[in-house]
Structure formats: structure tokens, C-alpha cells
Amino acid sequence: AECVLMSRPQGLRWPWASPAERRAVNRTLDRL
């Protein structure tokens, strides 16, 4: 999940992610 989150647009703070971003990661991982 952390590796996938690293593809977020530059400028966003790492490793902190919003709940919406984490949901997006889970949806994408689930799709695959």
C-alpha cells in the first residue's frame, strides 16, 4: 500500500495519506 501511495502527485506529504487516498489505493488493489 505504501509503495502504491508513492505515486501520488508530487508535493503531497509522505507517508501521511488522507482516508480518501487510502480508499483509492484499496480500490485499485482490489481491482487487481
ModelCIF file with pLDDT and N, C-alpha, C, O atoms, coordinates in Angstrom:
data_MODEL
#
_entry.id   MODEL 
#
_entity.id                         1 
_entity.type                       polymer 
_entity.pdbx_number_of_molecules   1 
#
_entity_poly.entity_id                      1 
_entity_poly.type                           'polypeptide(L)' 
_entity_poly.nstd_linkage                   no 
_entity_poly.nstd_monomer                   no 
_entity_poly.pdbx_seq_one_letter_code       AECVLMSRPQGLRWPWASPAERRAVNRTLDRL 
_entity_poly.pdbx_seq_one_letter_code_can   AECVLMSRPQGLRWPWASPAERRAVNRTLDRL 
_entity_poly.pdbx_strand_id                 A 
#
loop_
_entity_poly_seq.entity_id 
_entity_poly_seq.num 
_entity_poly_seq.mon_id 
_entity_poly_seq.hetero 
1 1  ALA n 
1 2  GLU n 
1 3  CYS n 
1 4  VAL n 
1 5  LEU n 
1 6  MET n 
1 7  SER n 
1 8  ARG n 
1 9  PRO n 
1 10 GLN n 
1 11 GLY n 
1 12 LEU n 
1 13 ARG n 
1 14 TRP n 
1 15 PRO n 
1 16 TRP n 
1 17 ALA n 
1 18 SER n 
1 19 PRO n 
1 20 ALA n 
1 21 GLU n 
1 22 ARG n 
1 23 ARG n 
1 24 ALA n 
1 25 VAL n 
1 26 ASN n 
1 27 ARG n 
1 28 THR n 
1 29 LEU n 
1 30 ASP n 
1 31 ARG n 
1 32 LEU n 
#
_struct_asym.id          A 
_struct_asym.entity_id   1 
#
loop_
_ma_qa_metric.id 
_ma_qa_metric.mode 
_ma_qa_metric.name 
_ma_qa_metric.software_group_id 
_ma_qa_metric.type 
1 global pLDDT . pLDDT 
2 local  pLDDT . pLDDT 
#
_ma_qa_metric_global.metric_id      1 
_ma_qa_metric_global.metric_value   80.34 
_ma_qa_metric_global.model_id       1 
_ma_qa_metric_global.ordinal_id     1 
#
loop_
_ma_qa_metric_local.label_asym_id 
_ma_qa_metric_local.label_comp_id 
_ma_qa_metric_local.label_seq_id 
_ma_qa_metric_local.metric_id 
_ma_qa_metric_local.metric_value 
_ma_qa_metric_local.model_id 
_ma_qa_metric_local.ordinal_id 
A ALA 1  2 93.00 1 1  
A GLU 2  2 90.00 1 2  
A CYS 3  2 90.00 1 3  
A VAL 4  2 92.00 1 4  
A LEU 5  2 89.00 1 5  
A MET 6  2 86.00 1 6  
A SER 7  2 83.00 1 7  
A ARG 8  2 74.00 1 8  
A PRO 9  2 64.00 1 9  
A GLN 10 2 55.00 1 10 
A GLY 11 2 43.00 1 11 
A LEU 12 2 51.00 1 12 
A ARG 13 2 52.00 1 13 
A TRP 14 2 53.00 1 14 
A PRO 15 2 59.00 1 15 
A TRP 16 2 70.00 1 16 
A ALA 17 2 78.00 1 17 
A SER 18 2 81.00 1 18 
A PRO 19 2 85.00 1 19 
A ALA 20 2 86.00 1 20 
A GLU 21 2 86.00 1 21 
A ARG 22 2 88.00 1 22 
A ARG 23 2 91.00 1 23 
A ALA 24 2 91.00 1 24 
A VAL 25 2 92.00 1 25 
A ASN 26 2 93.00 1 26 
A ARG 27 2 94.00 1 27 
A THR 28 2 93.00 1 28 
A LEU 29 2 94.00 1 29 
A ASP 30 2 94.00 1 30 
A ARG 31 2 90.00 1 31 
A LEU 32 2 91.00 1 32 
#
loop_
_atom_site.group_PDB 
_atom_site.id 
_atom_site.type_symbol 
_atom_site.label_atom_id 
_atom_site.label_alt_id 
_atom_site.label_comp_id 
_atom_site.label_asym_id 
_atom_site.label_entity_id 
_atom_site.label_seq_id 
_atom_site.pdbx_PDB_ins_code 
_atom_site.Cartn_x 
_atom_site.Cartn_y 
_atom_site.Cartn_z 
_atom_site.occupancy 
_atom_site.B_iso_or_equiv 
_atom_site.pdbx_formal_charge 
_atom_site.auth_seq_id 
_atom_site.auth_comp_id 
_atom_site.auth_asym_id 
_atom_site.auth_atom_id 
_atom_site.pdbx_PDB_model_num 
ATOM 1   N N  . ALA A 1 1  ? 0.828  -1.210 0.000   1.00 93.00 ? 1  ALA A N  1 
ATOM 2   C CA . ALA A 1 1  ? 0.000  0.000  0.000   1.00 93.00 ? 1  ALA A CA 1 
ATOM 3   C C  . ALA A 1 1  ? 0.857  1.251  0.000   1.00 93.00 ? 1  ALA A C  1 
ATOM 4   O O  . ALA A 1 1  ? 0.544  2.218  -0.695  1.00 93.00 ? 1  ALA A O  1 
ATOM 5   N N  . GLU A 1 2  ? 1.937  1.245  0.773   1.00 90.00 ? 2  GLU A N  1 
ATOM 6   C CA . GLU A 1 2  ? 2.815  2.413  0.826   1.00 90.00 ? 2  GLU A CA 1 
ATOM 7   C C  . GLU A 1 2  ? 3.494  2.653  -0.517  1.00 90.00 ? 2  GLU A C  1 
ATOM 8   O O  . GLU A 1 2  ? 3.647  3.797  -0.945  1.00 90.00 ? 2  GLU A O  1 
ATOM 9   N N  . CYS A 1 3  ? 3.902  1.572  -1.183  1.00 90.00 ? 3  CYS A N  1 
ATOM 10  C CA . CYS A 1 3  ? 4.539  1.700  -2.488  1.00 90.00 ? 3  CYS A CA 1 
ATOM 11  C C  . CYS A 1 3  ? 3.571  2.309  -3.506  1.00 90.00 ? 3  CYS A C  1 
ATOM 12  O O  . CYS A 1 3  ? 3.955  3.172  -4.296  1.00 90.00 ? 3  CYS A O  1 
ATOM 13  N N  . VAL A 1 4  ? 2.333  1.861  -3.484  1.00 92.00 ? 4  VAL A N  1 
ATOM 14  C CA . VAL A 1 4  ? 1.337  2.406  -4.403  1.00 92.00 ? 4  VAL A CA 1 
ATOM 15  C C  . VAL A 1 4  ? 1.081  3.875  -4.104  1.00 92.00 ? 4  VAL A C  1 
ATOM 16  O O  . VAL A 1 4  ? 0.945  4.682  -5.024  1.00 92.00 ? 4  VAL A O  1 
ATOM 17  N N  . LEU A 1 5  ? 1.014  4.229  -2.817  1.00 89.00 ? 5  LEU A N  1 
ATOM 18  C CA . LEU A 1 5  ? 0.771  5.624  -2.424  1.00 89.00 ? 5  LEU A CA 1 
ATOM 19  C C  . LEU A 1 5  ? 1.875  6.569  -2.901  1.00 89.00 ? 5  LEU A C  1 
ATOM 20  O O  . LEU A 1 5  ? 1.638  7.764  -3.078  1.00 89.00 ? 5  LEU A O  1 
ATOM 21  N N  . MET A 1 6  ? 3.070  6.039  -3.107  1.00 86.00 ? 6  MET A N  1 
ATOM 22  C CA . MET A 1 6  ? 4.181  6.884  -3.557  1.00 86.00 ? 6  MET A CA 1 
ATOM 23  C C  . MET A 1 6  ? 3.943  7.485  -4.939  1.00 86.00 ? 6  MET A C  1 
ATOM 24  O O  . MET A 1 6  ? 4.651  8.406  -5.346  1.00 86.00 ? 6  MET A O  1 
ATOM 25  N N  . SER A 1 7  ? 2.963  6.976  -5.652  1.00 83.00 ? 7  SER A N  1 
ATOM 26  C CA . SER A 1 7  ? 2.697  7.509  -6.989  1.00 83.00 ? 7  SER A CA 1 
ATOM 27  C C  . SER A 1 7  ? 1.789  8.739  -6.960  1.00 83.00 ? 7  SER A C  1 
ATOM 28  O O  . SER A 1 7  ? 1.464  9.297  -8.008  1.00 83.00 ? 7  SER A O  1 
ATOM 29  N N  . ARG A 1 8  ? 1.382  9.159  -5.768  1.00 74.00 ? 8  ARG A N  1 
ATOM 30  C CA . ARG A 1 8  ? 0.566  10.360 -5.667  1.00 74.00 ? 8  ARG A CA 1 
ATOM 31  C C  . ARG A 1 8  ? 1.305  11.551 -6.258  1.00 74.00 ? 8  ARG A C  1 
ATOM 32  O O  . ARG A 1 8  ? 2.534  11.545 -6.326  1.00 74.00 ? 8  ARG A O  1 
ATOM 33  N N  . PRO A 1 9  ? 0.560  12.585 -6.690  1.00 64.00 ? 9  PRO A N  1 
ATOM 34  C CA . PRO A 1 9  ? 1.214  13.773 -7.245  1.00 64.00 ? 9  PRO A CA 1 
ATOM 35  C C  . PRO A 1 9  ? 2.251  14.342 -6.300  1.00 64.00 ? 9  PRO A C  1 
ATOM 36  O O  . PRO A 1 9  ? 2.085  14.294 -5.081  1.00 64.00 ? 9  PRO A O  1 
ATOM 37  N N  . GLN A 1 10 ? 3.313  14.878 -6.858  1.00 55.00 ? 10 GLN A N  1 
ATOM 38  C CA . GLN A 1 10 ? 4.377  15.455 -6.042  1.00 55.00 ? 10 GLN A CA 1 
ATOM 39  C C  . GLN A 1 10 ? 3.835  16.614 -5.215  1.00 55.00 ? 10 GLN A C  1 
ATOM 40  O O  . GLN A 1 10 ? 2.925  17.329 -5.635  1.00 55.00 ? 10 GLN A O  1 
ATOM 41  N N  . GLY A 1 11 ? 4.412  16.782 -4.039  1.00 43.00 ? 11 GLY A N  1 
ATOM 42  C CA . GLY A 1 11 ? 4.009  17.864 -3.165  1.00 43.00 ? 11 GLY A CA 1 
ATOM 43  C C  . GLY A 1 11 ? 3.162  17.403 -2.000  1.00 43.00 ? 11 GLY A C  1 
ATOM 44  O O  . GLY A 1 11 ? 3.051  18.104 -0.994  1.00 43.00 ? 11 GLY A O  1 
ATOM 45  N N  . LEU A 1 12 ? 2.556  16.217 -2.128  1.00 51.00 ? 12 LEU A N  1 
ATOM 46  C CA . LEU A 1 12 ? 1.786  15.678 -1.009  1.00 51.00 ? 12 LEU A CA 1 
ATOM 47  C C  . LEU A 1 12 ? 2.716  15.048 0.005   1.00 51.00 ? 12 LEU A C  1 
ATOM 48  O O  . LEU A 1 12 ? 3.719  14.438 -0.363  1.00 51.00 ? 12 LEU A O  1 
ATOM 49  N N  . ARG A 1 13 ? 2.394  15.188 1.264   1.00 52.00 ? 13 ARG A N  1 
ATOM 50  C CA . ARG A 1 13 ? 3.295  14.723 2.323   1.00 52.00 ? 13 ARG A CA 1 
ATOM 51  C C  . ARG A 1 13 ? 3.298  13.209 2.402   1.00 52.00 ? 13 ARG A C  1 
ATOM 52  O O  . ARG A 1 13 ? 2.253  12.560 2.351   1.00 52.00 ? 13 ARG A O  1 
ATOM 53  N N  . TRP A 1 14 ? 4.481  12.669 2.528   1.00 53.00 ? 14 TRP A N  1 
ATOM 54  C CA . TRP A 1 14 ? 4.670  11.221 2.671   1.00 53.00 ? 14 TRP A CA 1 
ATOM 55  C C  . TRP A 1 14 ? 5.229  10.941 4.057   1.00 53.00 ? 14 TRP A C  1 
ATOM 56  O O  . TRP A 1 14 ? 6.108  11.685 4.491   1.00 53.00 ? 14 TRP A O  1 
ATOM 57  N N  . PRO A 1 15 ? 4.784  9.928  4.778   1.00 59.00 ? 15 PRO A N  1 
ATOM 58  C CA . PRO A 1 15 ? 3.889  8.853  4.342   1.00 59.00 ? 15 PRO A CA 1 
ATOM 59  C C  . PRO A 1 15 ? 2.425  9.086  4.683   1.00 59.00 ? 15 PRO A C  1 
ATOM 60  O O  . PRO A 1 15 ? 1.606  8.177  4.553   1.00 59.00 ? 15 PRO A O  1 
ATOM 61  N N  . TRP A 1 16 ? 2.085  10.308 5.124   1.00 70.00 ? 16 TRP A N  1 
ATOM 62  C CA . TRP A 1 16 ? 0.715  10.542 5.559   1.00 70.00 ? 16 TRP A CA 1 
ATOM 63  C C  . TRP A 1 16 ? -0.215 10.645 4.355   1.00 70.00 ? 16 TRP A C  1 
ATOM 64  O O  . TRP A 1 16 ? 0.068  11.359 3.393   1.00 70.00 ? 16 TRP A O  1 
ATOM 65  N N  . ALA A 1 17 ? -1.315 9.929  4.425   1.00 78.00 ? 17 ALA A N  1 
ATOM 66  C CA . ALA A 1 17 ? -2.300 9.942  3.352   1.00 78.00 ? 17 ALA A CA 1 
ATOM 67  C C  . ALA A 1 17 ? -3.683 10.131 3.946   1.00 78.00 ? 17 ALA A C  1 
ATOM 68  O O  . ALA A 1 17 ? -3.956 9.696  5.065   1.00 78.00 ? 17 ALA A O  1 
ATOM 69  N N  . SER A 1 18 ? -4.546 10.780 3.194   1.00 81.00 ? 18 SER A N  1 
ATOM 70  C CA . SER A 1 18 ? -5.909 11.020 3.661   1.00 81.00 ? 18 SER A CA 1 
ATOM 71  C C  . SER A 1 18 ? -6.720 9.724  3.576   1.00 81.00 ? 18 SER A C  1 
ATOM 72  O O  . SER A 1 18 ? -6.346 8.803  2.850   1.00 81.00 ? 18 SER A O  1 
ATOM 73  N N  . PRO A 1 19 ? -7.826 9.652  4.316   1.00 85.00 ? 19 PRO A N  1 
ATOM 74  C CA . PRO A 1 19 ? -8.698 8.474  4.203   1.00 85.00 ? 19 PRO A CA 1 
ATOM 75  C C  . PRO A 1 19 ? -9.162 8.238  2.767   1.00 85.00 ? 19 PRO A C  1 
ATOM 76  O O  . PRO A 1 19 ? -9.279 7.090  2.339   1.00 85.00 ? 19 PRO A O  1 
ATOM 77  N N  . ALA A 1 20 ? -9.426 9.307  2.023   1.00 86.00 ? 20 ALA A N  1 
ATOM 78  C CA . ALA A 1 20 ? -9.869 9.163  0.634   1.00 86.00 ? 20 ALA A CA 1 
ATOM 79  C C  . ALA A 1 20 ? -8.768 8.531  -0.218  1.00 86.00 ? 20 ALA A C  1 
ATOM 80  O O  . ALA A 1 20 ? -9.046 7.699  -1.082  1.00 86.00 ? 20 ALA A O  1 
ATOM 81  N N  . GLU A 1 21 ? -7.524 8.928  0.026   1.00 86.00 ? 21 GLU A N  1 
ATOM 82  C CA . GLU A 1 21 ? -6.414 8.356  -0.735  1.00 86.00 ? 21 GLU A CA 1 
ATOM 83  C C  . GLU A 1 21 ? -6.226 6.877  -0.402  1.00 86.00 ? 21 GLU A C  1 
ATOM 84  O O  . GLU A 1 21 ? -5.961 6.064  -1.287  1.00 86.00 ? 21 GLU A O  1 
ATOM 85  N N  . ARG A 1 22 ? -6.362 6.541  0.854   1.00 88.00 ? 22 ARG A N  1 
ATOM 86  C CA . ARG A 1 22 ? -6.219 5.136  1.238   1.00 88.00 ? 22 ARG A CA 1 
ATOM 87  C C  . ARG A 1 22 ? -7.346 4.288  0.655   1.00 88.00 ? 22 ARG A C  1 
ATOM 88  O O  . ARG A 1 22 ? -7.131 3.138  0.274   1.00 88.00 ? 22 ARG A O  1 
ATOM 89  N N  . ARG A 1 23 ? -8.549 4.859  0.588   1.00 91.00 ? 23 ARG A N  1 
ATOM 90  C CA . ARG A 1 23 ? -9.646 4.130  -0.046  1.00 91.00 ? 23 ARG A CA 1 
ATOM 91  C C  . ARG A 1 23 ? -9.370 3.924  -1.533  1.00 91.00 ? 23 ARG A C  1 
ATOM 92  O O  . ARG A 1 23 ? -9.681 2.872  -2.092  1.00 91.00 ? 23 ARG A O  1 
ATOM 93  N N  . ALA A 1 24 ? -8.783 4.938  -2.166  1.00 91.00 ? 24 ALA A N  1 
ATOM 94  C CA . ALA A 1 24 ? -8.456 4.828  -3.587  1.00 91.00 ? 24 ALA A CA 1 
ATOM 95  C C  . ALA A 1 24 ? -7.415 3.735  -3.812  1.00 91.00 ? 24 ALA A C  1 
ATOM 96  O O  . ALA A 1 24 ? -7.496 2.984  -4.784  1.00 91.00 ? 24 ALA A O  1 
ATOM 97  N N  . VAL A 1 25 ? -6.439 3.649  -2.910  1.00 92.00 ? 25 VAL A N  1 
ATOM 98  C CA . VAL A 1 25 ? -5.429 2.603  -3.004  1.00 92.00 ? 25 VAL A CA 1 
ATOM 99  C C  . VAL A 1 25 ? -6.075 1.229  -2.879  1.00 92.00 ? 25 VAL A C  1 
ATOM 100 O O  . VAL A 1 25 ? -5.792 0.327  -3.667  1.00 92.00 ? 25 VAL A O  1 
ATOM 101 N N  . ASN A 1 26 ? -6.947 1.075  -1.881  1.00 93.00 ? 26 ASN A N  1 
ATOM 102 C CA . ASN A 1 26 ? -7.603 -0.224 -1.672  1.00 93.00 ? 26 ASN A CA 1 
ATOM 103 C C  . ASN A 1 26 ? -8.481 -0.612 -2.857  1.00 93.00 ? 26 ASN A C  1 
ATOM 104 O O  . ASN A 1 26 ? -8.542 -1.783 -3.233  1.00 93.00 ? 26 ASN A O  1 
ATOM 105 N N  . ARG A 1 27 ? -9.167 0.381  -3.451  1.00 94.00 ? 27 ARG A N  1 
ATOM 106 C CA . ARG A 1 27 ? -9.998 0.084  -4.627  1.00 94.00 ? 27 ARG A CA 1 
ATOM 107 C C  . ARG A 1 27 ? -9.125 -0.400 -5.792  1.00 94.00 ? 27 ARG A C  1 
ATOM 108 O O  . ARG A 1 27 ? -9.488 -1.334 -6.507  1.00 94.00 ? 27 ARG A O  1 
ATOM 109 N N  . THR A 1 28 ? -7.986 0.243  -5.966  1.00 93.00 ? 28 THR A N  1 
ATOM 110 C CA . THR A 1 28 ? -7.104 -0.125 -7.067  1.00 93.00 ? 28 THR A CA 1 
ATOM 111 C C  . THR A 1 28 ? -6.498 -1.500 -6.843  1.00 93.00 ? 28 THR A C  1 
ATOM 112 O O  . THR A 1 28 ? -6.432 -2.310 -7.767  1.00 93.00 ? 28 THR A O  1 
ATOM 113 N N  . LEU A 1 29 ? -6.051 -1.771 -5.604  1.00 94.00 ? 29 LEU A N  1 
ATOM 114 C CA . LEU A 1 29 ? -5.502 -3.086 -5.290  1.00 94.00 ? 29 LEU A CA 1 
ATOM 115 C C  . LEU A 1 29 ? -6.567 -4.166 -5.445  1.00 94.00 ? 29 LEU A C  1 
ATOM 116 O O  . LEU A 1 29 ? -6.282 -5.267 -5.915  1.00 94.00 ? 29 LEU A O  1 
ATOM 117 N N  . ASP A 1 30 ? -7.792 -3.844 -5.048  1.00 94.00 ? 30 ASP A N  1 
ATOM 118 C CA . ASP A 1 30 ? -8.884 -4.804 -5.173  1.00 94.00 ? 30 ASP A CA 1 
ATOM 119 C C  . ASP A 1 30 ? -9.173 -5.095 -6.644  1.00 94.00 ? 30 ASP A C  1 
ATOM 120 O O  . ASP A 1 30 ? -9.447 -6.236 -7.014  1.00 94.00 ? 30 ASP A O  1 
ATOM 121 N N  . ARG A 1 31 ? -9.114 -4.076 -7.464  1.00 90.00 ? 31 ARG A N  1 
ATOM 122 C CA . ARG A 1 31 ? -9.343 -4.257 -8.904  1.00 90.00 ? 31 ARG A CA 1 
ATOM 123 C C  . ARG A 1 31 ? -8.329 -5.227 -9.515  1.00 90.00 ? 31 ARG A C  1 
ATOM 124 O O  . ARG A 1 31 ? -8.642 -5.963 -10.451 1.00 90.00 ? 31 ARG A O  1 
ATOM 125 N N  . LEU A 1 32 ? -7.111 -5.216 -8.970  1.00 91.00 ? 32 LEU A N  1 
ATOM 126 C CA . LEU A 1 32 ? -6.054 -6.073 -9.481  1.00 91.00 ? 32 LEU A CA 1 
ATOM 127 C C  . LEU A 1 32 ? -5.915 -7.372 -8.698  1.00 91.00 ? 32 LEU A C  1 
ATOM 128 O O  . LEU A 1 32 ? -5.060 -8.197 -9.017  1.00 91.00 ? 32 LEU A O  1 
#
